Amino acid sequence: MNTVVLLGTAHSIQRGENAPTVFETVLRGECEKYNIKAIAEEIDKDKPTVASILAKTLHVGHLFADPDLHERAKRGIQSDCRYDIIREYRNRYPEIGMWPESPSEENLPEEAWREYDRRTKESHGMREQVWLEKIIQYDQWPLLFICGANHFRGFFNLLRNSGFHVIKSHEDWVPLTQ
């Protein structure tokens, strides 16, 4: 059975914008503990990440698993639905012209929130399916997979339901001092 060690965190941490040395230490520890053969990430590949740099240092494989905008369009994956929601609902709810930093049912009209939440979950599920396909094709085990904390539970369940042995590293890793 193929093993995936799953770690959720913020993309700013993956990019090294916050506590890169501490995050690298955590990743290095997981790689040693589970004899990791490759690291995969949900993040754009516009610049190196803490994990991609560590993978080179440790001589293990590295995979950027998230689909780029071209692949998302080809697969019908919506990248950012907030502008569509604003356009569709602003006549009924003018206040959503100022989109909240962290949308929720508390700061959006109920109808707009339900639609935003539905579209976001659908997009996440489609992206997580792409990650699964990519790591299966990459075929390097055990694999450390790093994703945004908001994907942790969904991707954990998809992996487990697909027959993987999944080890929970951190559901939402943050440095102790922020």
N, C-alpha and C. Protein backbone atom coordinates (compact mmCIF):
# COMPACT_ATOMS: atom_id res chain seq x y z
N MET A 1 0.84 -1.18 0.00
CA MET A 1 0.00 0.00 0.00
C MET A 1 0.89 1.25 0.00
N ASN A 2 0.58 2.20 -0.89
CA ASN A 2 1.36 3.44 -0.98
C ASN A 2 1.03 4.38 0.17
N THR A 3 2.07 5.00 0.70
CA THR A 3 1.92 5.88 1.86
C THR A 3 2.08 7.33 1.46
N VAL A 4 1.16 8.17 1.97
CA VAL A 4 1.25 9.62 1.81
C VAL A 4 1.23 10.24 3.21
N VAL A 5 2.24 11.03 3.49
CA VAL A 5 2.28 11.81 4.72
C VAL A 5 1.72 13.18 4.35
N LEU A 6 0.63 13.57 4.99
CA LEU A 6 -0.09 14.78 4.60
C LEU A 6 0.13 15.89 5.62
N LEU A 7 0.52 17.06 5.10
CA LEU A 7 0.78 18.22 5.95
C LEU A 7 0.05 19.43 5.38
N GLY A 8 -0.81 20.03 6.19
CA GLY A 8 -1.51 21.25 5.80
C GLY A 8 -0.86 22.46 6.43
N THR A 9 -0.84 23.57 5.69
CA THR A 9 -0.26 24.81 6.20
C THR A 9 -0.74 25.96 5.32
N ALA A 10 -0.20 27.14 5.55
CA ALA A 10 -0.52 28.31 4.72
C ALA A 10 0.47 28.40 3.56
N HIS A 11 0.00 28.90 2.44
CA HIS A 11 0.88 29.03 1.27
C HIS A 11 2.03 30.00 1.54
N SER A 12 1.81 31.00 2.38
CA SER A 12 2.90 31.93 2.71
C SER A 12 4.04 31.18 3.41
N ILE A 13 3.70 30.17 4.19
CA ILE A 13 4.73 29.35 4.86
C ILE A 13 5.44 28.49 3.82
N GLN A 14 4.69 27.90 2.89
CA GLN A 14 5.32 27.10 1.84
C GLN A 14 6.32 27.93 1.04
N ARG A 15 5.96 29.19 0.78
CA ARG A 15 6.82 30.07 -0.02
C ARG A 15 8.01 30.61 0.77
N GLY A 16 8.04 30.36 2.07
CA GLY A 16 9.16 30.83 2.89
C GLY A 16 9.01 32.25 3.37
N GLU A 17 7.80 32.80 3.33
CA GLU A 17 7.56 34.17 3.77
C GLU A 17 7.44 34.26 5.28
N ASN A 18 7.28 33.13 5.93
CA ASN A 18 7.08 33.10 7.37
C ASN A 18 7.76 31.85 7.94
N ALA A 19 8.73 32.04 8.80
CA ALA A 19 9.42 30.96 9.52
C ALA A 19 9.98 29.87 8.60
N PRO A 20 10.74 30.24 7.55
CA PRO A 20 11.23 29.21 6.63
C PRO A 20 12.17 28.19 7.27
N THR A 21 12.99 28.62 8.18
CA THR A 21 13.94 27.70 8.81
C THR A 21 13.22 26.69 9.68
N VAL A 22 12.23 27.15 10.42
CA VAL A 22 11.46 26.24 11.28
C VAL A 22 10.66 25.26 10.42
N PHE A 23 10.05 25.78 9.36
CA PHE A 23 9.26 24.91 8.48
C PHE A 23 10.16 23.87 7.81
N GLU A 24 11.34 24.29 7.38
CA GLU A 24 12.26 23.33 6.78
C GLU A 24 12.63 22.23 7.77
N THR A 25 12.83 22.60 9.02
CA THR A 25 13.17 21.62 10.06
C THR A 25 12.03 20.61 10.23
N VAL A 26 10.79 21.09 10.21
CA VAL A 26 9.63 20.19 10.32
C VAL A 26 9.59 19.24 9.13
N LEU A 27 9.76 19.77 7.93
CA LEU A 27 9.74 18.94 6.72
C LEU A 27 10.87 17.92 6.73
N ARG A 28 12.05 18.36 7.10
CA ARG A 28 13.21 17.47 7.16
C ARG A 28 12.94 16.33 8.16
N GLY A 29 12.35 16.67 9.28
CA GLY A 29 12.02 15.66 10.29
C GLY A 29 11.03 14.63 9.75
N GLU A 30 10.01 15.08 9.03
CA GLU A 30 9.03 14.15 8.45
C GLU A 30 9.70 13.27 7.39
N CYS A 31 10.58 13.87 6.59
CA CYS A 31 11.27 13.09 5.56
C CYS A 31 12.12 11.99 6.17
N GLU A 32 12.81 12.32 7.25
CA GLU A 32 13.65 11.32 7.92
C GLU A 32 12.80 10.27 8.63
N LYS A 33 11.77 10.71 9.32
CA LYS A 33 10.92 9.80 10.10
C LYS A 33 10.24 8.76 9.22
N TYR A 34 9.79 9.17 8.03
CA TYR A 34 9.02 8.28 7.17
C TYR A 34 9.78 7.82 5.92
N ASN A 35 11.09 8.10 5.87
CA ASN A 35 11.92 7.71 4.73
C ASN A 35 11.28 8.16 3.40
N ILE A 36 10.94 9.44 3.35
CA ILE A 36 10.25 10.04 2.20
C ILE A 36 11.11 9.96 0.94
N LYS A 37 10.50 9.53 -0.16
CA LYS A 37 11.18 9.43 -1.45
C LYS A 37 10.90 10.63 -2.35
N ALA A 38 9.78 11.35 -2.07
CA ALA A 38 9.44 12.53 -2.88
C ALA A 38 8.50 13.43 -2.07
N ILE A 39 8.53 14.72 -2.45
CA ILE A 39 7.65 15.72 -1.85
C ILE A 39 6.80 16.30 -2.98
N ALA A 40 5.50 16.39 -2.74
CA ALA A 40 4.59 17.02 -3.69
C ALA A 40 3.87 18.16 -2.98
N GLU A 41 3.49 19.18 -3.76
CA GLU A 41 2.86 20.35 -3.16
C GLU A 41 1.70 20.87 -3.97
N GLU A 42 0.72 21.42 -3.26
CA GLU A 42 -0.35 22.21 -3.85
C GLU A 42 0.09 23.66 -3.75
N ILE A 43 0.67 24.15 -4.82
CA ILE A 43 1.09 25.56 -4.87
C ILE A 43 1.52 25.84 -6.30
N ASP A 44 1.44 27.11 -6.69
CA ASP A 44 1.89 27.45 -8.04
C ASP A 44 3.40 27.33 -8.12
N LYS A 45 3.88 27.11 -9.33
CA LYS A 45 5.32 26.86 -9.48
C LYS A 45 6.07 28.07 -10.01
N ASP A 46 5.62 29.26 -9.62
CA ASP A 46 6.27 30.47 -10.12
C ASP A 46 7.63 30.73 -9.48
N LYS A 47 7.87 30.20 -8.28
CA LYS A 47 9.18 30.33 -7.66
C LYS A 47 9.42 29.17 -6.70
N PRO A 48 10.67 28.94 -6.34
CA PRO A 48 10.98 27.82 -5.45
C PRO A 48 10.27 27.97 -4.10
N THR A 49 9.97 26.83 -3.50
CA THR A 49 9.35 26.79 -2.18
C THR A 49 10.35 26.19 -1.19
N VAL A 50 10.03 26.28 0.08
CA VAL A 50 10.88 25.66 1.10
C VAL A 50 11.03 24.17 0.80
N ALA A 51 9.94 23.53 0.41
CA ALA A 51 9.97 22.08 0.14
C ALA A 51 10.75 21.75 -1.12
N SER A 52 10.62 22.56 -2.17
CA SER A 52 11.35 22.25 -3.41
C SER A 52 12.85 22.38 -3.21
N ILE A 53 13.25 23.35 -2.42
CA ILE A 53 14.68 23.53 -2.12
C ILE A 53 15.18 22.37 -1.25
N LEU A 54 14.38 21.99 -0.25
CA LEU A 54 14.76 20.86 0.62
C LEU A 54 14.85 19.57 -0.18
N ALA A 55 13.93 19.35 -1.10
CA ALA A 55 13.96 18.13 -1.91
C ALA A 55 15.29 18.00 -2.66
N LYS A 56 15.77 19.11 -3.20
CA LYS A 56 17.08 19.08 -3.90
C LYS A 56 18.19 18.74 -2.92
N THR A 57 18.15 19.34 -1.74
CA THR A 57 19.17 19.09 -0.72
C THR A 57 19.18 17.62 -0.31
N LEU A 58 17.99 17.04 -0.15
CA LEU A 58 17.88 15.65 0.30
C LEU A 58 17.96 14.64 -0.84
N HIS A 59 18.03 15.14 -2.08
CA HIS A 59 18.08 14.27 -3.27
C HIS A 59 16.85 13.36 -3.36
N VAL A 60 15.68 13.96 -3.11
CA VAL A 60 14.42 13.25 -3.29
C VAL A 60 13.63 14.00 -4.38
N GLY A 61 12.66 13.32 -4.94
CA GLY A 61 11.87 13.94 -5.99
C GLY A 61 11.00 15.07 -5.46
N HIS A 62 10.59 15.93 -6.39
CA HIS A 62 9.67 17.02 -6.04
C HIS A 62 8.67 17.22 -7.16
N LEU A 63 7.41 17.46 -6.79
CA LEU A 63 6.34 17.63 -7.77
C LEU A 63 5.44 18.79 -7.36
N PHE A 64 5.26 19.74 -8.28
CA PHE A 64 4.23 20.76 -8.10
C PHE A 64 2.95 20.13 -8.65
N ALA A 65 2.01 19.79 -7.78
CA ALA A 65 0.85 19.00 -8.19
C ALA A 65 -0.37 19.83 -8.57
N ASP A 66 -0.39 21.11 -8.22
CA ASP A 66 -1.58 21.91 -8.49
C ASP A 66 -1.66 22.26 -9.98
N PRO A 67 -2.84 22.15 -10.57
CA PRO A 67 -2.98 22.49 -11.98
C PRO A 67 -2.80 23.99 -12.19
N ASP A 68 -2.09 24.37 -13.26
CA ASP A 68 -1.94 25.79 -13.57
C ASP A 68 -3.24 26.30 -14.20
N LEU A 69 -3.29 27.59 -14.51
CA LEU A 69 -4.52 28.18 -15.04
C LEU A 69 -4.96 27.54 -16.34
N HIS A 70 -4.00 27.19 -17.19
CA HIS A 70 -4.33 26.54 -18.47
C HIS A 70 -5.00 25.19 -18.23
N GLU A 71 -4.41 24.38 -17.34
CA GLU A 71 -4.97 23.06 -17.06
C GLU A 71 -6.32 23.19 -16.35
N ARG A 72 -6.46 24.18 -15.48
CA ARG A 72 -7.75 24.39 -14.82
C ARG A 72 -8.83 24.71 -15.85
N ALA A 73 -8.51 25.60 -16.78
CA ALA A 73 -9.49 25.97 -17.81
C ALA A 73 -9.86 24.76 -18.65
N LYS A 74 -8.86 23.97 -19.02
CA LYS A 74 -9.09 22.78 -19.84
C LYS A 74 -10.00 21.77 -19.13
N ARG A 75 -9.87 21.67 -17.81
CA ARG A 75 -10.66 20.72 -17.02
C ARG A 75 -11.95 21.32 -16.47
N GLY A 76 -12.18 22.61 -16.74
CA GLY A 76 -13.39 23.26 -16.25
C GLY A 76 -13.36 23.55 -14.77
N ILE A 77 -12.17 23.78 -14.22
CA ILE A 77 -12.03 24.08 -12.80
C ILE A 77 -12.02 25.60 -12.64
N GLN A 78 -12.96 26.11 -11.88
CA GLN A 78 -13.03 27.55 -11.64
C GLN A 78 -11.94 27.95 -10.66
N SER A 79 -11.16 28.96 -11.02
CA SER A 79 -10.05 29.37 -10.18
C SER A 79 -10.47 30.31 -9.05
N ASP A 80 -11.33 31.26 -9.34
CA ASP A 80 -11.73 32.23 -8.34
C ASP A 80 -13.15 32.69 -8.64
N CYS A 81 -14.10 32.23 -7.87
CA CYS A 81 -15.51 32.51 -8.16
C CYS A 81 -16.02 33.80 -7.54
N ARG A 82 -15.22 34.47 -6.72
CA ARG A 82 -15.76 35.65 -6.02
C ARG A 82 -16.23 36.73 -6.97
N TYR A 83 -15.51 36.94 -8.10
CA TYR A 83 -15.93 37.98 -9.04
C TYR A 83 -17.24 37.61 -9.72
N ASP A 84 -17.42 36.33 -10.00
CA ASP A 84 -18.69 35.87 -10.57
C ASP A 84 -19.83 36.06 -9.57
N ILE A 85 -19.56 35.77 -8.32
CA ILE A 85 -20.58 35.92 -7.27
C ILE A 85 -20.96 37.40 -7.14
N ILE A 86 -19.96 38.27 -7.11
CA ILE A 86 -20.24 39.71 -7.02
C ILE A 86 -21.11 40.14 -8.20
N ARG A 87 -20.71 39.75 -9.39
CA ARG A 87 -21.45 40.13 -10.60
C ARG A 87 -22.89 39.60 -10.57
N GLU A 88 -23.05 38.36 -10.13
CA GLU A 88 -24.37 37.73 -10.14
C GLU A 88 -25.30 38.24 -9.03
N TYR A 89 -24.74 38.66 -7.89
CA TYR A 89 -25.56 39.00 -6.74
C TYR A 89 -25.54 40.48 -6.35
N ARG A 90 -24.74 41.30 -6.99
CA ARG A 90 -24.60 42.68 -6.53
C ARG A 90 -25.87 43.52 -6.68
N ASN A 91 -26.72 43.20 -7.63
CA ASN A 91 -27.97 43.96 -7.75
C ASN A 91 -28.87 43.73 -6.54
N ARG A 92 -28.91 42.50 -6.04
CA ARG A 92 -29.73 42.19 -4.86
C ARG A 92 -29.03 42.56 -3.56
N TYR A 93 -27.69 42.45 -3.56
CA TYR A 93 -26.91 42.68 -2.35
C TYR A 93 -25.73 43.61 -2.67
N PRO A 94 -25.96 44.92 -2.76
CA PRO A 94 -24.89 45.85 -3.14
C PRO A 94 -23.67 45.80 -2.21
N GLU A 95 -23.88 45.36 -0.96
CA GLU A 95 -22.78 45.33 0.00
C GLU A 95 -21.69 44.33 -0.38
N ILE A 96 -21.98 43.36 -1.26
CA ILE A 96 -20.92 42.40 -1.59
C ILE A 96 -19.95 42.95 -2.63
N GLY A 97 -20.16 44.19 -3.07
CA GLY A 97 -19.16 44.82 -3.93
C GLY A 97 -17.83 44.97 -3.21
N MET A 98 -17.87 45.06 -1.89
CA MET A 98 -16.66 45.06 -1.06
C MET A 98 -16.51 43.65 -0.51
N TRP A 99 -15.78 42.82 -1.22
CA TRP A 99 -15.64 41.41 -0.85
C TRP A 99 -14.83 41.27 0.43
N PRO A 100 -15.33 40.50 1.39
CA PRO A 100 -14.60 40.33 2.66
C PRO A 100 -13.30 39.54 2.47
N GLU A 101 -12.32 39.86 3.30
CA GLU A 101 -11.03 39.16 3.22
C GLU A 101 -11.19 37.67 3.46
N SER A 102 -12.01 37.31 4.43
CA SER A 102 -12.29 35.91 4.74
C SER A 102 -13.80 35.69 4.64
N PRO A 103 -14.29 35.35 3.45
CA PRO A 103 -15.74 35.19 3.28
C PRO A 103 -16.31 34.11 4.20
N SER A 104 -17.49 34.39 4.74
CA SER A 104 -18.15 33.43 5.61
C SER A 104 -19.65 33.72 5.62
N GLU A 105 -20.39 32.85 6.27
CA GLU A 105 -21.83 33.06 6.35
C GLU A 105 -22.15 34.25 7.25
N GLU A 106 -21.19 34.70 8.05
CA GLU A 106 -21.41 35.87 8.90
C GLU A 106 -21.26 37.18 8.14
N ASN A 107 -20.43 37.21 7.09
CA ASN A 107 -20.18 38.49 6.43
C ASN A 107 -20.66 38.55 4.97
N LEU A 108 -21.41 37.56 4.54
CA LEU A 108 -22.03 37.57 3.21
C LEU A 108 -23.52 37.27 3.35
N PRO A 109 -24.34 37.79 2.45
CA PRO A 109 -25.75 37.40 2.47
C PRO A 109 -25.86 35.88 2.31
N GLU A 110 -26.83 35.28 2.97
CA GLU A 110 -26.96 33.82 3.02
C GLU A 110 -26.92 33.17 1.63
N GLU A 111 -27.68 33.71 0.70
CA GLU A 111 -27.75 33.14 -0.65
C GLU A 111 -26.39 33.21 -1.36
N ALA A 112 -25.73 34.35 -1.25
CA ALA A 112 -24.41 34.53 -1.88
C ALA A 112 -23.39 33.61 -1.23
N TRP A 113 -23.45 33.49 0.11
CA TRP A 113 -22.52 32.60 0.81
C TRP A 113 -22.70 31.15 0.37
N ARG A 114 -23.95 30.69 0.31
CA ARG A 114 -24.21 29.30 -0.09
C ARG A 114 -23.62 29.02 -1.47
N GLU A 115 -23.81 29.93 -2.40
CA GLU A 115 -23.31 29.72 -3.76
C GLU A 115 -21.78 29.78 -3.80
N TYR A 116 -21.19 30.73 -3.08
CA TYR A 116 -19.73 30.83 -3.01
C TYR A 116 -19.15 29.55 -2.40
N ASP A 117 -19.74 29.10 -1.30
CA ASP A 117 -19.27 27.89 -0.62
C ASP A 117 -19.39 26.67 -1.54
N ARG A 118 -20.50 26.54 -2.24
CA ARG A 118 -20.72 25.40 -3.14
C ARG A 118 -19.68 25.39 -4.25
N ARG A 119 -19.47 26.54 -4.89
CA ARG A 119 -18.52 26.61 -6.00
C ARG A 119 -17.08 26.38 -5.53
N THR A 120 -16.76 26.91 -4.36
CA THR A 120 -15.41 26.72 -3.82
C THR A 120 -15.16 25.24 -3.52
N LYS A 121 -16.12 24.59 -2.87
CA LYS A 121 -15.96 23.16 -2.57
C LYS A 121 -15.85 22.33 -3.84
N GLU A 122 -16.63 22.66 -4.84
CA GLU A 122 -16.57 21.95 -6.11
C GLU A 122 -15.19 22.12 -6.76
N SER A 123 -14.69 23.35 -6.77
CA SER A 123 -13.36 23.62 -7.33
C SER A 123 -12.27 22.88 -6.55
N HIS A 124 -12.36 22.91 -5.23
CA HIS A 124 -11.37 22.20 -4.40
C HIS A 124 -11.38 20.71 -4.71
N GLY A 125 -12.56 20.13 -4.78
CA GLY A 125 -12.67 18.70 -5.07
C GLY A 125 -12.06 18.34 -6.42
N MET A 126 -12.29 19.18 -7.42
CA MET A 126 -11.73 18.92 -8.75
C MET A 126 -10.20 19.05 -8.73
N ARG A 127 -9.69 20.05 -8.03
CA ARG A 127 -8.24 20.21 -7.92
C ARG A 127 -7.62 19.05 -7.16
N GLU A 128 -8.25 18.63 -6.08
CA GLU A 128 -7.73 17.52 -5.30
C GLU A 128 -7.69 16.24 -6.13
N GLN A 129 -8.63 16.06 -7.01
CA GLN A 129 -8.63 14.91 -7.92
C GLN A 129 -7.41 14.97 -8.85
N VAL A 130 -7.08 16.17 -9.32
CA VAL A 130 -5.89 16.34 -10.17
C VAL A 130 -4.63 15.98 -9.38
N TRP A 131 -4.55 16.42 -8.12
CA TRP A 131 -3.38 16.08 -7.31
C TRP A 131 -3.23 14.59 -7.19
N LEU A 132 -4.35 13.92 -6.94
CA LEU A 132 -4.34 12.46 -6.81
C LEU A 132 -3.81 11.82 -8.10
N GLU A 133 -4.32 12.26 -9.23
CA GLU A 133 -3.86 11.72 -10.52
C GLU A 133 -2.37 11.94 -10.70
N LYS A 134 -1.90 13.13 -10.36
CA LYS A 134 -0.49 13.47 -10.56
C LYS A 134 0.43 12.66 -9.64
N ILE A 135 0.03 12.45 -8.39
CA ILE A 135 0.92 11.69 -7.52
C ILE A 135 0.90 10.20 -7.88
N ILE A 136 -0.22 9.72 -8.37
CA ILE A 136 -0.25 8.32 -8.83
C ILE A 136 0.68 8.16 -10.03
N GLN A 137 0.62 9.09 -10.94
CA GLN A 137 1.50 9.04 -12.12
C GLN A 137 2.97 9.22 -11.72
N TYR A 138 3.24 10.07 -10.74
CA TYR A 138 4.61 10.32 -10.29
C TYR A 138 5.20 9.06 -9.65
N ASP A 139 4.40 8.33 -8.88
CA ASP A 139 4.73 7.00 -8.38
C ASP A 139 6.03 6.94 -7.57
N GLN A 140 6.16 7.80 -6.57
CA GLN A 140 7.30 7.80 -5.66
C GLN A 140 6.75 7.71 -4.23
N TRP A 141 7.07 6.61 -3.54
CA TRP A 141 6.48 6.37 -2.21
C TRP A 141 7.56 5.98 -1.22
N PRO A 142 7.37 6.33 0.02
CA PRO A 142 6.38 7.21 0.61
C PRO A 142 6.57 8.66 0.13
N LEU A 143 5.46 9.38 0.09
CA LEU A 143 5.42 10.73 -0.44
C LEU A 143 4.92 11.67 0.65
N LEU A 144 5.59 12.82 0.78
CA LEU A 144 5.11 13.88 1.66
C LEU A 144 4.34 14.85 0.79
N PHE A 145 3.06 15.09 1.12
CA PHE A 145 2.24 16.02 0.35
C PHE A 145 1.89 17.21 1.23
N ILE A 146 2.20 18.41 0.71
CA ILE A 146 1.93 19.66 1.44
C ILE A 146 0.81 20.40 0.72
N CYS A 147 -0.22 20.74 1.47
CA CYS A 147 -1.35 21.46 0.88
C CYS A 147 -1.81 22.57 1.81
N GLY A 148 -2.63 23.46 1.28
CA GLY A 148 -3.26 24.47 2.11
C GLY A 148 -4.11 23.79 3.16
N ALA A 149 -4.12 24.33 4.36
CA ALA A 149 -4.86 23.71 5.46
C ALA A 149 -6.35 23.54 5.13
N ASN A 150 -6.89 24.40 4.29
CA ASN A 150 -8.31 24.28 3.94
C ASN A 150 -8.59 23.06 3.06
N HIS A 151 -7.57 22.42 2.55
CA HIS A 151 -7.72 21.21 1.73
C HIS A 151 -7.44 19.93 2.51
N PHE A 152 -6.91 20.07 3.72
CA PHE A 152 -6.40 18.89 4.43
C PHE A 152 -7.45 17.79 4.55
N ARG A 153 -8.60 18.09 5.09
CA ARG A 153 -9.60 17.04 5.34
C ARG A 153 -10.12 16.44 4.04
N GLY A 154 -10.41 17.29 3.05
CA GLY A 154 -10.92 16.77 1.78
C GLY A 154 -9.91 15.87 1.09
N PHE A 155 -8.64 16.29 1.05
CA PHE A 155 -7.64 15.48 0.37
C PHE A 155 -7.31 14.23 1.18
N PHE A 156 -7.31 14.35 2.51
CA PHE A 156 -7.11 13.18 3.36
C PHE A 156 -8.15 12.12 3.02
N ASN A 157 -9.42 12.52 2.98
CA ASN A 157 -10.50 11.57 2.69
C ASN A 157 -10.38 10.99 1.29
N LEU A 158 -10.04 11.80 0.30
CA LEU A 158 -9.88 11.31 -1.07
C LEU A 158 -8.75 10.28 -1.13
N LEU A 159 -7.63 10.57 -0.50
CA LEU A 159 -6.51 9.62 -0.49
C LEU A 159 -6.91 8.31 0.18
N ARG A 160 -7.50 8.42 1.35
CA ARG A 160 -7.89 7.23 2.10
C ARG A 160 -8.91 6.40 1.33
N ASN A 161 -9.91 7.07 0.73
CA ASN A 161 -10.93 6.36 -0.04
C ASN A 161 -10.38 5.77 -1.34
N SER A 162 -9.20 6.24 -1.74
CA SER A 162 -8.55 5.72 -2.95
C SER A 162 -7.55 4.61 -2.63
N GLY A 163 -7.51 4.18 -1.38
CA GLY A 163 -6.68 3.04 -1.00
C GLY A 163 -5.30 3.38 -0.50
N PHE A 164 -5.01 4.64 -0.24
CA PHE A 164 -3.69 5.01 0.26
C PHE A 164 -3.63 4.88 1.78
N HIS A 165 -2.44 4.60 2.27
CA HIS A 165 -2.18 4.68 3.70
C HIS A 165 -1.80 6.14 3.93
N VAL A 166 -2.60 6.87 4.71
CA VAL A 166 -2.38 8.30 4.91
C VAL A 166 -1.98 8.54 6.36
N ILE A 167 -0.88 9.24 6.52
CA ILE A 167 -0.39 9.63 7.84
C ILE A 167 -0.62 11.13 7.98
N LYS A 168 -1.30 11.51 9.06
CA LYS A 168 -1.54 12.92 9.33
C LYS A 168 -0.30 13.51 10.00
N SER A 169 0.38 14.38 9.30
CA SER A 169 1.51 15.07 9.88
C SER A 169 1.00 16.26 10.70
N HIS A 170 0.44 17.25 10.02
CA HIS A 170 -0.16 18.42 10.66
C HIS A 170 -1.36 18.85 9.82
N GLU A 171 -2.47 19.09 10.47
CA GLU A 171 -3.65 19.55 9.73
C GLU A 171 -3.52 21.02 9.34
N ASP A 172 -2.88 21.81 10.19
CA ASP A 172 -2.68 23.24 9.91
C ASP A 172 -1.43 23.69 10.64
N TRP A 173 -0.27 23.39 10.05
CA TRP A 173 0.99 23.73 10.71
C TRP A 173 1.21 25.24 10.68
N VAL A 174 1.51 25.77 11.85
CA VAL A 174 1.92 27.17 11.99
C VAL A 174 3.09 27.22 12.95
N PRO A 175 3.99 28.15 12.77
CA PRO A 175 5.10 28.26 13.72
C PRO A 175 4.56 28.66 15.09
N LEU A 176 5.22 28.22 16.13
CA LEU A 176 4.76 28.53 17.49
C LEU A 176 4.78 30.01 17.77
N THR A 177 5.74 30.73 17.24
CA THR A 177 5.81 32.18 17.47
C THR A 177 5.44 32.90 16.18
N GLN A 178 4.29 33.52 16.18
CA GLN A 178 3.84 34.28 15.01
C GLN A 178 3.58 35.70 15.39
